[in-house]
PDB file of N, CA and C in Angstrom:
ATOM      1  N   MET A   1     -32.793  13.379  96.032  1.00  0.00           N
ATOM      2  CA  MET A   1     -32.711  12.617  94.791  1.00  0.00           C
ATOM      3  C   MET A   1     -32.496  11.139  95.130  1.00  0.00           C
ATOM      4  N   GLU A   2     -33.084  10.307  94.328  1.00  0.00           N
ATOM      5  CA  GLU A   2     -32.975   8.861  94.538  1.00  0.00           C
ATOM      6  C   GLU A   2     -31.546   8.391  94.290  1.00  0.00           C
ATOM      7  N   PRO A   3     -31.150   7.304  94.954  1.00  0.00           N
ATOM      8  CA  PRO A   3     -29.822   6.740  94.667  1.00  0.00           C
ATOM      9  C   PRO A   3     -29.709   6.372  93.189  1.00  0.00           C
ATOM     10  N   LEU A   4     -28.520   6.512  92.659  1.00  0.00           N
ATOM     11  CA  LEU A   4     -28.285   6.295  91.238  1.00  0.00           C
ATOM     12  C   LEU A   4     -28.724   4.909  90.784  1.00  0.00           C
ATOM     13  N   GLN A   5     -28.390   3.869  91.534  1.00  0.00           N
ATOM     14  CA  GLN A   5     -28.736   2.510  91.117  1.00  0.00           C
ATOM     15  C   GLN A   5     -30.247   2.333  91.002  1.00  0.00           C
ATOM     16  N   HIS A   6     -30.992   2.938  91.915  1.00  0.00           N
ATOM     17  CA  HIS A   6     -32.453   2.849  91.849  1.00  0.00           C
ATOM     18  C   HIS A   6     -32.964   3.534  90.587  1.00  0.00           C
ATOM     19  N   ARG A   7     -32.412   4.678  90.258  1.00  0.00           N
ATOM     20  CA  ARG A   7     -32.820   5.397  89.052  1.00  0.00           C
ATOM     21  C   ARG A   7     -32.493   4.586  87.801  1.00  0.00           C
ATOM     22  N   ILE A   8     -31.329   3.942  87.788  1.00  0.00           N
ATOM     23  CA  ILE A   8     -30.935   3.098  86.657  1.00  0.00           C
ATOM     24  C   ILE A   8     -31.901   1.930  86.518  1.00  0.00           C
ATOM     25  N   ASP A   9     -32.218   1.279  87.637  1.00  0.00           N
ATOM     26  CA  ASP A   9     -33.146   0.144  87.621  1.00  0.00           C
ATOM     27  C   ASP A   9     -34.524   0.578  87.123  1.00  0.00           C
ATOM     28  N   THR A  10     -34.986   1.733  87.573  1.00  0.00           N
ATOM     29  CA  THR A  10     -36.290   2.244  87.147  1.00  0.00           C
ATOM     30  C   THR A  10     -36.298   2.514  85.650  1.00  0.00           C
ATOM     31  N   LEU A  11     -35.264   3.163  85.161  1.00  0.00           N
ATOM     32  CA  LEU A  11     -35.171   3.454  83.732  1.00  0.00           C
ATOM     33  C   LEU A  11     -35.096   2.168  82.919  1.00  0.00           C
ATOM     34  N   SER A  12     -34.307   1.213  83.391  1.00  0.00           N
ATOM     35  CA  SER A  12     -34.182  -0.065  82.700  1.00  0.00           C
ATOM     36  C   SER A  12     -35.537  -0.777  82.620  1.00  0.00           C
ATOM     37  N   SER A  13     -36.263  -0.801  83.708  1.00  0.00           N
ATOM     38  CA  SER A  13     -37.586  -1.432  83.720  1.00  0.00           C
ATOM     39  C   SER A  13     -38.530  -0.719  82.757  1.00  0.00           C
ATOM     40  N   TRP A  14     -38.466   0.594  82.767  1.00  0.00           N
ATOM     41  CA  TRP A  14     -39.331   1.367  81.890  1.00  0.00           C
ATOM     42  C   TRP A  14     -39.021   1.066  80.423  1.00  0.00           C
ATOM     43  N   LEU A  15     -37.740   1.021  80.075  1.00  0.00           N
ATOM     44  CA  LEU A  15     -37.362   0.728  78.690  1.00  0.00           C
ATOM     45  C   LEU A  15     -37.803  -0.676  78.271  1.00  0.00           C
ATOM     46  N   LYS A  16     -37.657  -1.642  79.183  1.00  0.00           N
ATOM     47  CA  LYS A  16     -38.064  -3.018  78.869  1.00  0.00           C
ATOM     48  C   LYS A  16     -39.558  -3.110  78.618  1.00  0.00           C
ATOM     49  N   SER A  17     -40.340  -2.329  79.341  1.00  0.00           N
ATOM     50  CA  SER A  17     -41.787  -2.415  79.205  1.00  0.00           C
ATOM     51  C   SER A  17     -42.342  -1.455  78.157  1.00  0.00           C
ATOM     52  N   ALA A  18     -41.523  -0.516  77.670  1.00  0.00           N
ATOM     53  CA  ALA A  18     -42.013   0.478  76.707  1.00  0.00           C
ATOM     54  C   ALA A  18     -42.539  -0.187  75.446  1.00  0.00           C
ATOM     55  N   GLY A  19     -41.778  -1.145  74.917  1.00  0.00           N
ATOM     56  CA  GLY A  19     -42.233  -1.868  73.742  1.00  0.00           C
ATOM     57  C   GLY A  19     -42.460  -0.976  72.534  1.00  0.00           C
ATOM     58  N   ASN A  20     -41.837   0.178  72.539  1.00  0.00           N
ATOM     59  CA  ASN A  20     -42.042   1.125  71.455  1.00  0.00           C
ATOM     60  C   ASN A  20     -40.708   1.345  70.743  1.00  0.00           C
ATOM     61  N   GLU A  21     -40.641   0.945  69.503  1.00  0.00           N
ATOM     62  CA  GLU A  21     -39.400   1.026  68.729  1.00  0.00           C
ATOM     63  C   GLU A  21     -38.862   2.454  68.663  1.00  0.00           C
ATOM     64  N   SER A  22     -39.747   3.436  68.515  1.00  0.00           N
ATOM     65  CA  SER A  22     -39.268   4.814  68.384  1.00  0.00           C
ATOM     66  C   SER A  22     -38.623   5.320  69.676  1.00  0.00           C
ATOM     67  N   VAL A  23     -39.126   4.882  70.829  1.00  0.00           N
ATOM     68  CA  VAL A  23     -38.528   5.288  72.106  1.00  0.00           C
ATOM     69  C   VAL A  23     -37.125   4.708  72.223  1.00  0.00           C
ATOM     70  N   ILE A  24     -36.985   3.435  71.884  1.00  0.00           N
ATOM     71  CA  ILE A  24     -35.678   2.779  71.940  1.00  0.00           C
ATOM     72  C   ILE A  24     -34.708   3.454  70.966  1.00  0.00           C
ATOM     73  N   THR A  25     -35.183   3.774  69.772  1.00  0.00           N
ATOM     74  CA  THR A  25     -34.342   4.437  68.772  1.00  0.00           C
ATOM     75  C   THR A  25     -33.879   5.799  69.270  1.00  0.00           C
ATOM     76  N   GLN A  26     -34.749   6.533  69.936  1.00  0.00           N
ATOM     77  CA  GLN A  26     -34.370   7.841  70.478  1.00  0.00           C
ATOM     78  C   GLN A  26     -33.289   7.697  71.553  1.00  0.00           C
ATOM     79  N   PHE A  27     -33.406   6.694  72.403  1.00  0.00           N
ATOM     80  CA  PHE A  27     -32.385   6.464  73.424  1.00  0.00           C
ATOM     81  C   PHE A  27     -31.049   6.061  72.786  1.00  0.00           C
ATOM     82  N   GLU A  28     -31.110   5.273  71.725  1.00  0.00           N
ATOM     83  CA  GLU A  28     -29.877   4.895  71.025  1.00  0.00           C
ATOM     84  C   GLU A  28     -29.217   6.124  70.403  1.00  0.00           C
ATOM     85  N   ARG A  29     -30.015   7.013  69.837  1.00  0.00           N
ATOM     86  CA  ARG A  29     -29.457   8.250  69.274  1.00  0.00           C
ATOM     87  C   ARG A  29     -28.835   9.118  70.359  1.00  0.00           C
ATOM     88  N   LEU A  30     -29.497   9.192  71.499  1.00  0.00           N
ATOM     89  CA  LEU A  30     -28.962   9.953  72.627  1.00  0.00           C
ATOM     90  C   LEU A  30     -27.619   9.384  73.062  1.00  0.00           C
ATOM     91  N   GLN A  31     -27.533   8.059  73.155  1.00  0.00           N
ATOM     92  CA  GLN A  31     -26.278   7.416  73.544  1.00  0.00           C
ATOM     93  C   GLN A  31     -25.177   7.729  72.536  1.00  0.00           C
ATOM     94  N   GLN A  32     -25.505   7.680  71.256  1.00  0.00           N
ATOM     95  CA  GLN A  32     -24.513   8.003  70.222  1.00  0.00           C
ATOM     96  C   GLN A  32     -24.050   9.446  70.350  1.00  0.00           C
ATOM     97  N   GLU A  33     -24.984  10.346  70.631  1.00  0.00           N
ATOM     98  CA  GLU A  33     -24.636  11.765  70.776  1.00  0.00           C
ATOM     99  C   GLU A  33     -23.742  11.982  71.992  1.00  0.00           C
ATOM    100  N   LEU A  34     -24.053  11.302  73.093  1.00  0.00           N
ATOM    101  CA  LEU A  34     -23.249  11.455  74.307  1.00  0.00           C
ATOM    102  C   LEU A  34     -21.847  10.878  74.135  1.00  0.00           C
ATOM    103  N   ASN A  35     -21.700   9.887  73.262  1.00  0.00           N
ATOM    104  CA  ASN A  35     -20.389   9.276  73.027  1.00  0.00           C
ATOM    105  C   ASN A  35     -19.598   9.960  71.923  1.00  0.00           C
ATOM    106  N   LYS A  36     -20.198  10.946  71.261  1.00  0.00           N
ATOM    107  CA  LYS A  36     -19.531  11.648  70.170  1.00  0.00           C
ATOM    108  C   LYS A  36     -18.330  12.438  70.703  1.00  0.00           C
ATOM    109  N   VAL A  37     -17.207  12.353  70.002  1.00  0.00           N
ATOM    110  CA  VAL A  37     -16.004  13.097  70.382  1.00  0.00           C
ATOM    111  C   VAL A  37     -16.176  14.541  69.916  1.00  0.00           C
ATOM    112  N   VAL A  38     -16.051  15.475  70.868  1.00  0.00           N
ATOM    113  CA  VAL A  38     -16.225  16.896  70.550  1.00  0.00           C
ATOM    114  C   VAL A  38     -14.933  17.689  70.693  1.00  0.00           C
ATOM    115  N   GLY A  39     -13.873  17.034  71.147  1.00  0.00           N
ATOM    116  CA  GLY A  39     -12.586  17.705  71.312  1.00  0.00           C
ATOM    117  C   GLY A  39     -11.578  16.739  71.894  1.00  0.00           C
ATOM    118  N   TYR A  40     -10.412  17.289  72.225  1.00  0.00           N
ATOM    119  CA  TYR A  40      -9.337  16.464  72.762  1.00  0.00           C
ATOM    120  C   TYR A  40      -8.630  17.203  73.891  1.00  0.00           C
ATOM    121  N   GLU A  41      -8.204  16.431  74.887  1.00  0.00           N
ATOM    122  CA  GLU A  41      -7.365  16.976  75.953  1.00  0.00           C
ATOM    123  C   GLU A  41      -5.989  17.284  75.367  1.00  0.00           C
ATOM    124  N   VAL A  42      -5.171  18.002  76.106  1.00  0.00           N
ATOM    125  CA  VAL A  42      -3.826  18.344  75.643  1.00  0.00           C
ATOM    126  C   VAL A  42      -3.018  17.097  75.314  1.00  0.00           C
ATOM    127  N   ASP A  43      -3.241  16.021  76.088  1.00  0.00           N
ATOM    128  CA  ASP A  43      -2.482  14.784  75.867  1.00  0.00           C
ATOM    129  C   ASP A  43      -3.075  13.918  74.758  1.00  0.00           C
ATOM    130  N   GLY A  44      -4.133  14.405  74.091  1.00  0.00           N
ATOM    131  CA  GLY A  44      -4.734  13.662  72.996  1.00  0.00           C
ATOM    132  C   GLY A  44      -5.930  12.808  73.383  1.00  0.00           C
ATOM    133  N   THR A  45      -6.252  12.749  74.658  1.00  0.00           N
ATOM    134  CA  THR A  45      -7.406  11.978  75.117  1.00  0.00           C
ATOM    135  C   THR A  45      -8.688  12.611  74.575  1.00  0.00           C
ATOM    136  N   PRO A  46      -9.562  11.809  73.962  1.00  0.00           N
ATOM    137  CA  PRO A  46     -10.800  12.366  73.423  1.00  0.00           C
ATOM    138  C   PRO A  46     -11.727  12.892  74.524  1.00  0.00           C
ATOM    139  N   ILE A  47     -12.440  13.963  74.222  1.00  0.00           N
ATOM    140  CA  ILE A  47     -13.468  14.507  75.104  1.00  0.00           C
ATOM    141  C   ILE A  47     -14.807  14.230  74.436  1.00  0.00           C
ATOM    142  N   THR A  48     -15.660  13.477  75.117  1.00  0.00           N
ATOM    143  CA  THR A  48     -16.981  13.172  74.581  1.00  0.00           C
ATOM    144  C   THR A  48     -17.987  14.227  75.047  1.00  0.00           C
ATOM    145  N   THR A  49     -19.131  14.234  74.404  1.00  0.00           N
ATOM    146  CA  THR A  49     -20.205  15.136  74.815  1.00  0.00           C
ATOM    147  C   THR A  49     -20.556  14.889  76.277  1.00  0.00           C
ATOM    148  N   ALA A  50     -20.642  13.623  76.682  1.00  0.00           N
ATOM    149  CA  ALA A  50     -20.990  13.292  78.066  1.00  0.00           C
ATOM    150  C   ALA A  50     -19.972  13.861  79.043  1.00  0.00           C
ATOM    151  N   LYS A  51     -18.682  13.708  78.746  1.00  0.00           N
ATOM    152  CA  LYS A  51     -17.641  14.236  79.634  1.00  0.00           C
ATOM    153  C   LYS A  51     -17.700  15.750  79.687  1.00  0.00           C
ATOM    154  N   LEU A  52     -17.927  16.375  78.554  1.00  0.00           N
ATOM    155  CA  LEU A  52     -18.023  17.829  78.512  1.00  0.00           C
ATOM    156  C   LEU A  52     -19.179  18.318  79.374  1.00  0.00           C
ATOM    157  N   LEU A  53     -20.320  17.647  79.298  1.00  0.00           N
ATOM    158  CA  LEU A  53     -21.469  18.035  80.110  1.00  0.00           C
ATOM    159  C   LEU A  53     -21.195  17.869  81.603  1.00  0.00           C
ATOM    160  N   VAL A  54     -20.491  16.794  81.969  1.00  0.00           N
ATOM    161  CA  VAL A  54     -20.119  16.588  83.371  1.00  0.00           C
ATOM    162  C   VAL A  54     -19.160  17.679  83.823  1.00  0.00           C
ATOM    163  N   ASP A  55     -18.170  18.004  82.982  1.00  0.00           N
ATOM    164  CA  ASP A  55     -17.207  19.053  83.325  1.00  0.00           C
ATOM    165  C   ASP A  55     -17.892  20.407  83.500  1.00  0.00           C
ATOM    166  N   ILE A  56     -18.855  20.700  82.637  1.00  0.00           N
ATOM    167  CA  ILE A  56     -19.596  21.964  82.745  1.00  0.00           C
ATOM    168  C   ILE A  56     -20.397  22.002  84.040  1.00  0.00           C
ATOM    169  N   ALA A  57     -21.081  20.914  84.359  1.00  0.00           N
ATOM    170  CA  ALA A  57     -21.863  20.852  85.597  1.00  0.00           C
ATOM    171  C   ALA A  57     -20.964  21.014  86.818  1.00  0.00           C
ATOM    172  N   THR A  58     -19.786  20.393  86.779  1.00  0.00           N
ATOM    173  CA  THR A  58     -18.825  20.515  87.881  1.00  0.00           C
ATOM    174  C   THR A  58     -18.374  21.958  88.032  1.00  0.00           C
ATOM    175  N   ALA A  59     -18.035  22.601  86.924  1.00  0.00           N
ATOM    176  CA  ALA A  59     -17.591  23.997  86.951  1.00  0.00           C
ATOM    177  C   ALA A  59     -18.696  24.908  87.476  1.00  0.00           C
ATOM    178  N   GLU A  60     -19.927  24.685  87.045  1.00  0.00           N
ATOM    179  CA  GLU A  60     -21.045  25.490  87.534  1.00  0.00           C
ATOM    180  C   GLU A  60     -21.241  25.317  89.029  1.00  0.00           C
ATOM    181  N   GLN A  61     -21.070  24.105  89.517  1.00  0.00           N
ATOM    182  CA  GLN A  61     -21.188  23.839  90.955  1.00  0.00           C
ATOM    183  C   GLN A  61     -20.089  24.569  91.716  1.00  0.00           C
ATOM    184  N   GLN A  62     -18.862  24.509  91.198  1.00  0.00           N
ATOM    185  CA  GLN A  62     -17.750  25.201  91.847  1.00  0.00           C
ATOM    186  C   GLN A  62     -17.994  26.703  91.895  1.00  0.00           C
ATOM    187  N   ILE A  63     -18.508  27.265  90.816  1.00  0.00           N
ATOM    188  CA  ILE A  63     -18.794  28.696  90.777  1.00  0.00           C
ATOM    189  C   ILE A  63     -19.868  29.049  91.788  1.00  0.00           C
ATOM    190  N   SER A  64     -20.937  28.255  91.838  1.00  0.00           N
ATOM    191  CA  SER A  64     -22.024  28.554  92.779  1.00  0.00           C
ATOM    192  C   SER A  64     -21.569  28.435  94.230  1.00  0.00           C
ATOM    193  N   GLU A  65     -20.538  27.622  94.476  1.00  0.00           N
ATOM    194  CA  GLU A  65     -19.992  27.481  95.828  1.00  0.00           C
ATOM    195  C   GLU A  65     -18.897  28.501  96.110  1.00  0.00           C
ATOM    196  N   GLY A  66     -18.585  29.328  95.115  1.00  0.00           N
ATOM    197  CA  GLY A  66     -17.564  30.352  95.299  1.00  0.00           C
ATOM    198  C   GLY A  66     -16.143  29.832  95.162  1.00  0.00           C
ATOM    199  N   ASN A  67     -15.975  28.648  94.593  1.00  0.00           N
ATOM    200  CA  ASN A  67     -14.644  28.045  94.426  1.00  0.00           C
ATOM    201  C   ASN A  67     -14.046  28.441  93.081  1.00  0.00           C
ATOM    202  N   TYR A  68     -13.596  29.682  93.000  1.00  0.00           N
ATOM    203  CA  TYR A  68     -12.956  30.161  91.779  1.00  0.00           C
ATOM    204  C   TYR A  68     -12.032  31.320  92.148  1.00  0.00           C
ATOM    205  N   ILE A  69     -11.231  31.745  91.199  1.00  0.00           N
ATOM    206  CA  ILE A  69     -10.335  32.871  91.411  1.00  0.00           C
ATOM    207  C   ILE A  69     -10.685  33.935  90.374  1.00  0.00           C
ATOM    208  N   SER A  70     -10.747  35.184  90.819  1.00  0.00           N
ATOM    209  CA  SER A  70     -11.100  36.264  89.896  1.00  0.00           C
ATOM    210  C   SER A  70      -9.919  36.554  88.963  1.00  0.00           C
ATOM    211  N   HIS A  71     -10.232  37.209  87.875  1.00  0.00           N
ATOM    212  CA  HIS A  71      -9.202  37.564  86.899  1.00  0.00           C
ATOM    213  C   HIS A  71      -8.141  38.451  87.547  1.00  0.00           C
ATOM    214  N   ASP A  72      -8.572  39.443  88.327  1.00  0.00           N
ATOM    215  CA  ASP A  72      -7.615  40.342  88.991  1.00  0.00           C
ATOM    216  C   ASP A  72      -6.726  39.583  89.968  1.00  0.00           C
ATOM    217  N   ASP A  73      -7.322  38.670  90.750  1.00  0.00           N
ATOM    218  CA  ASP A  73      -6.522  37.878  91.691  1.00  0.00           C
ATOM    219  C   ASP A  73      -5.527  36.983  90.957  1.00  0.00           C
ATOM    220  N   LEU A  74      -5.930  36.437  89.836  1.00  0.00           N
ATOM    221  CA  LEU A  74      -5.034  35.600  89.050  1.00  0.00           C
ATOM    222  C   LEU A  74      -3.869  36.431  88.497  1.00  0.00           C
ATOM    223  N   LYS A  75      -4.168  37.630  88.028  1.00  0.00           N
ATOM    224  CA  LYS A  75      -3.096  38.500  87.534  1.00  0.00           C
ATOM    225  C   LYS A  75      -2.091  38.802  88.650  1.00  0.00           C
ATOM    226  N   LYS A  76      -2.592  39.109  89.828  1.00  0.00           N
ATOM    227  CA  LYS A  76      -1.718  39.399  90.981  1.00  0.00           C
ATOM    228  C   LYS A  76      -0.878  38.181  91.328  1.00  0.00           C
ATOM    229  N   GLU A  77      -1.507  37.003  91.356  1.00  0.00           N
ATOM    230  CA  GLU A  77      -0.801  35.772  91.693  1.00  0.00           C
ATOM    231  C   GLU A  77       0.266  35.445  90.655  1.00  0.00           C
ATOM    232  N   SER A  78      -0.050  35.701  89.390  1.00  0.00           N
ATOM    233  CA  SER A  78       0.899  35.359  88.331  1.00  0.00           C
ATOM    234  C   SER A  78       2.144  36.247  88.351  1.00  0.00           C
ATOM    235  N   GLU A  79       2.068  37.381  89.006  1.00  0.00           N
ATOM    236  CA  GLU A  79       3.247  38.250  89.117  1.00  0.00           C
ATOM    237  C   GLU A  79       4.353  37.594  89.936  1.00  0.00           C
ATOM    238  N   ASN A  80       3.995  36.603  90.765  1.00  0.00           N
ATOM    239  CA  ASN A  80       4.973  35.906  91.604  1.00  0.00           C
ATOM    240  C   ASN A  80       5.507  34.629  90.975  1.00  0.00           C
ATOM    241  N   TRP A  81       5.127  34.348  89.748  1.00  0.00           N
ATOM    242  CA  TRP A  81       5.571  33.118  89.110  1.00  0.00           C
ATOM    243  C   TRP A  81       6.949  33.257  88.567  1.00  0.00           C
TER     244      TRP A  81
END
């Protein structure tokens, strides 16, 4: 995958040259959707759609790498609390 900055620069150039109002409007709607608050952390910090998507991707990566604890193992561990 390309470095993030290169991808940002490419997208920025593409948007500048698009010259199409509907494309720009769609990107603005996407930005609004990604910034929408969909929940709150325990401490009251808002959770946006973008943060939720990042958290889901992180969790999926951890699962695919085997970085999780099974329900049975958690029950066993909690007996020592």
